[in-house]
Amino acid sequence: MDPRIELLKADITTLKVNAIVNAANQGLLGGGGVDGAIHRAAGPGLLEECRKMGGCATGDCKATKGYLLPARWVFHAVGPVWEGGGRGEDGLLASCYRKALDLAGQMSLQTIAFPAISCGVYHFPIPRACAIAWKEIQKGLSRNPQLEKVILACFEDEVYEAYRRLARP
């Protein structure tokens, strides 16, 4: 496994990194799962900034300040809802990771943490989502050599195990 990738069983809102990625919805106004947890931990400033952003398209990513979080930035990536795999879900999910990693590169960040985008209420199959994320993170590290650490923050055991299988040589 690339030493710059770290697999953690963790609550992403507690991580001291330059940026955490939020598995956001298109409105960017909070929701359930990791999205709600990030909004609660960041405080009302995050919601206020998100209200001014005009939402975000599926597959895209927008940055806000981290407010009360240990992370300086929150990258809001809107993953696809799983609809069986025939509606471009794989490409849209890959785009979330690619755009977040490239945004980190453009901002000269060294550390970023990802949740399992689209694996909660959007029902993307976990092994498939993790394989897409893994591939995009490998490519993103090649494109953005200043990135020193990419953390995969796994809240669920199933996500952690899926990444652990991918990390084995």
Protein backbone atom coordinates (compact mmCIF):
# COMPACT_ATOMS: atom_id res chain seq x y z
CA MET A 1 0.00 0.00 0.00
CA ASP A 2 1.18 3.51 -0.79
CA PRO A 3 2.52 4.91 2.52
CA ARG A 4 0.68 8.18 1.82
CA ILE A 5 -2.68 6.40 2.17
CA GLU A 6 -3.88 5.76 5.70
CA LEU A 7 -6.89 3.63 6.55
CA LEU A 8 -8.57 4.67 9.81
CA LYS A 9 -11.64 3.58 11.70
CA ALA A 10 -12.59 7.12 12.68
CA ASP A 11 -15.12 9.92 12.89
CA ILE A 12 -14.00 12.26 10.10
CA THR A 13 -15.11 15.33 12.07
CA THR A 14 -12.32 14.73 14.62
CA LEU A 15 -9.38 14.53 12.19
CA LYS A 16 -6.67 17.22 12.18
CA VAL A 17 -6.03 17.46 8.45
CA ASN A 18 -5.96 20.35 5.98
CA ALA A 19 -9.31 19.29 4.46
CA ILE A 20 -12.05 16.78 5.07
CA VAL A 21 -14.41 15.72 2.31
CA ASN A 22 -18.11 15.87 2.99
CA ALA A 23 -20.41 13.36 1.28
CA ALA A 24 -22.82 16.18 0.52
CA ASN A 25 -26.16 16.48 -1.22
CA GLN A 26 -26.75 18.89 -4.11
CA GLY A 27 -28.18 21.60 -1.86
CA LEU A 28 -25.09 21.63 0.43
CA LEU A 29 -27.36 22.47 3.36
CA GLY A 30 -26.71 19.44 5.53
CA GLY A 31 -28.51 16.16 5.76
CA GLY A 32 -28.04 12.78 7.37
CA GLY A 33 -24.96 10.65 7.94
CA VAL A 34 -21.55 12.21 7.51
CA ASP A 35 -23.08 15.35 5.97
CA GLY A 36 -25.17 16.07 9.06
CA ALA A 37 -22.29 15.20 11.38
CA ILE A 38 -19.96 17.63 9.60
CA HIS A 39 -22.53 20.43 9.66
CA ARG A 40 -23.20 19.87 13.38
CA ALA A 41 -19.49 19.78 14.28
CA ALA A 42 -18.58 22.80 12.13
CA GLY A 43 -21.26 25.03 13.62
CA PRO A 44 -23.63 27.54 12.01
CA GLY A 45 -20.95 29.32 9.96
CA LEU A 46 -20.72 26.35 7.61
CA LEU A 47 -24.43 26.40 6.81
CA GLU A 48 -24.32 30.15 6.31
CA GLU A 49 -21.46 29.85 3.79
CA CYS A 50 -23.10 26.89 2.02
CA ARG A 51 -26.35 28.86 1.56
CA LYS A 52 -24.42 31.37 -0.58
CA MET A 53 -22.90 28.74 -2.88
CA GLY A 54 -25.92 27.87 -5.02
CA GLY A 55 -25.61 24.13 -4.51
CA CYS A 56 -23.30 21.70 -6.28
CA ALA A 57 -23.78 19.28 -9.17
CA THR A 58 -23.45 15.52 -8.73
CA GLY A 59 -19.84 14.52 -9.38
CA ASP A 60 -18.54 17.98 -8.49
CA CYS A 61 -16.82 19.41 -5.41
CA LYS A 62 -16.81 22.84 -3.73
CA ALA A 63 -14.71 24.13 -0.82
CA THR A 64 -15.75 26.00 2.32
CA LYS A 65 -13.95 26.90 5.51
CA GLY A 66 -13.90 24.31 8.29
CA TYR A 67 -15.21 26.65 11.00
CA LEU A 68 -15.25 24.76 14.33
CA LEU A 69 -13.76 21.57 12.85
CA PRO A 70 -10.09 20.65 13.38
CA ALA A 71 -9.79 20.66 9.55
CA ARG A 72 -9.24 24.07 7.96
CA TRP A 73 -11.36 23.24 4.89
CA VAL A 74 -14.41 21.17 4.00
CA PHE A 75 -14.67 19.91 0.43
CA HIS A 76 -18.32 19.17 -0.36
CA ALA A 77 -18.43 16.35 -2.93
CA VAL A 78 -21.83 15.31 -4.24
CA GLY A 79 -21.83 11.61 -4.98
CA PRO A 80 -24.40 9.81 -7.07
CA VAL A 81 -27.42 7.93 -5.79
CA TRP A 82 -27.09 4.26 -6.77
CA GLU A 83 -29.70 3.37 -9.37
CA GLY A 84 -28.35 0.01 -10.51
CA GLY A 85 -25.17 1.14 -12.24
CA GLY A 86 -26.59 2.08 -15.63
CA ARG A 87 -26.84 5.84 -15.11
CA GLY A 88 -23.16 6.78 -15.00
CA GLU A 89 -22.84 6.28 -11.25
CA ASP A 90 -19.26 4.93 -11.44
CA GLY A 91 -18.02 7.93 -13.42
CA LEU A 92 -19.78 10.42 -11.17
CA LEU A 93 -18.33 8.83 -8.05
CA ALA A 94 -14.83 8.78 -9.58
CA SER A 95 -15.27 12.45 -10.43
CA CYS A 96 -15.93 13.30 -6.76
CA TYR A 97 -12.60 11.83 -5.69
CA ARG A 98 -10.72 13.25 -8.68
CA LYS A 99 -12.07 16.78 -8.18
CA ALA A 100 -11.43 16.75 -4.43
CA LEU A 101 -7.85 15.58 -4.87
CA ASP A 102 -7.18 18.10 -7.63
CA LEU A 103 -8.72 20.89 -5.52
CA ALA A 104 -6.36 19.90 -2.70
CA GLY A 105 -3.52 20.14 -5.21
CA GLN A 106 -4.61 23.56 -6.46
CA MET A 107 -4.78 24.78 -2.85
CA SER A 108 -1.33 23.27 -2.05
CA LEU A 109 -2.73 21.14 0.78
CA GLN A 110 -0.74 18.27 2.25
CA THR A 111 -3.46 16.24 3.99
CA ILE A 112 -7.03 15.28 3.13
CA ALA A 113 -9.53 12.81 4.59
CA PHE A 114 -12.37 11.10 2.74
CA PRO A 115 -15.49 9.33 3.97
CA ALA A 116 -17.04 6.57 1.86
CA ILE A 117 -18.89 8.86 -0.57
CA SER A 118 -22.33 7.59 -1.66
CA CYS A 119 -22.13 4.46 0.54
CA GLY A 120 -24.68 5.53 3.14
CA VAL A 121 -28.18 6.69 2.25
CA TYR A 122 -27.22 6.80 -1.46
CA HIS A 123 -26.77 2.97 -1.36
CA PHE A 124 -23.73 2.68 -3.66
CA PRO A 125 -22.43 -0.90 -3.26
CA ILE A 126 -19.55 -0.62 -0.80
CA PRO A 127 -16.95 -2.88 -2.50
CA ARG A 128 -17.57 -1.17 -5.84
CA ALA A 129 -17.40 2.33 -4.32
CA CYS A 130 -14.19 1.53 -2.44
CA ALA A 131 -12.54 0.14 -5.59
CA ILE A 132 -13.41 3.33 -7.50
CA ALA A 133 -12.13 5.51 -4.66
CA TRP A 134 -8.92 3.49 -4.34
CA LYS A 135 -8.16 3.82 -8.05
CA GLU A 136 -8.87 7.56 -8.11
CA ILE A 137 -6.78 8.19 -5.00
CA GLN A 138 -3.81 6.38 -6.56
CA LYS A 139 -4.12 8.53 -9.70
CA GLY A 140 -4.69 11.68 -7.63
CA LEU A 141 -1.52 11.12 -5.63
CA SER A 142 0.43 10.84 -8.90
CA ARG A 143 -1.05 14.11 -10.20
CA ASN A 144 -0.63 15.96 -6.89
CA PRO A 145 2.77 15.03 -5.44
CA GLN A 146 2.55 17.63 -2.66
CA LEU A 147 -0.15 15.51 -1.00
CA GLU A 148 1.57 13.79 1.89
CA LYS A 149 -1.39 11.95 3.38
CA VAL A 150 -4.80 10.78 2.20
CA ILE A 151 -6.86 9.34 5.03
CA LEU A 152 -9.75 7.00 4.36
CA ALA A 153 -11.95 7.62 7.39
CA CYS A 154 -14.14 4.56 7.80
CA PHE A 155 -17.10 4.86 10.11
CA GLU A 156 -18.52 1.45 9.19
CA ASP A 157 -16.70 -1.89 9.59
CA GLU A 158 -17.83 -3.00 6.12
CA VAL A 159 -16.12 0.00 4.50
CA TYR A 160 -12.94 -0.54 6.52
CA GLU A 161 -12.79 -4.22 5.49
CA ALA A 162 -13.41 -3.39 1.81
CA TYR A 163 -10.46 -0.96 1.83
CA ARG A 164 -8.30 -3.39 3.78
CA ARG A 165 -8.83 -6.01 1.07
CA LEU A 166 -7.86 -3.49 -1.62
CA ALA A 167 -4.72 -2.48 0.29
CA ARG A 168 -3.32 -6.00 0.35
CA PRO A 169 -0.62 -6.54 -2.28
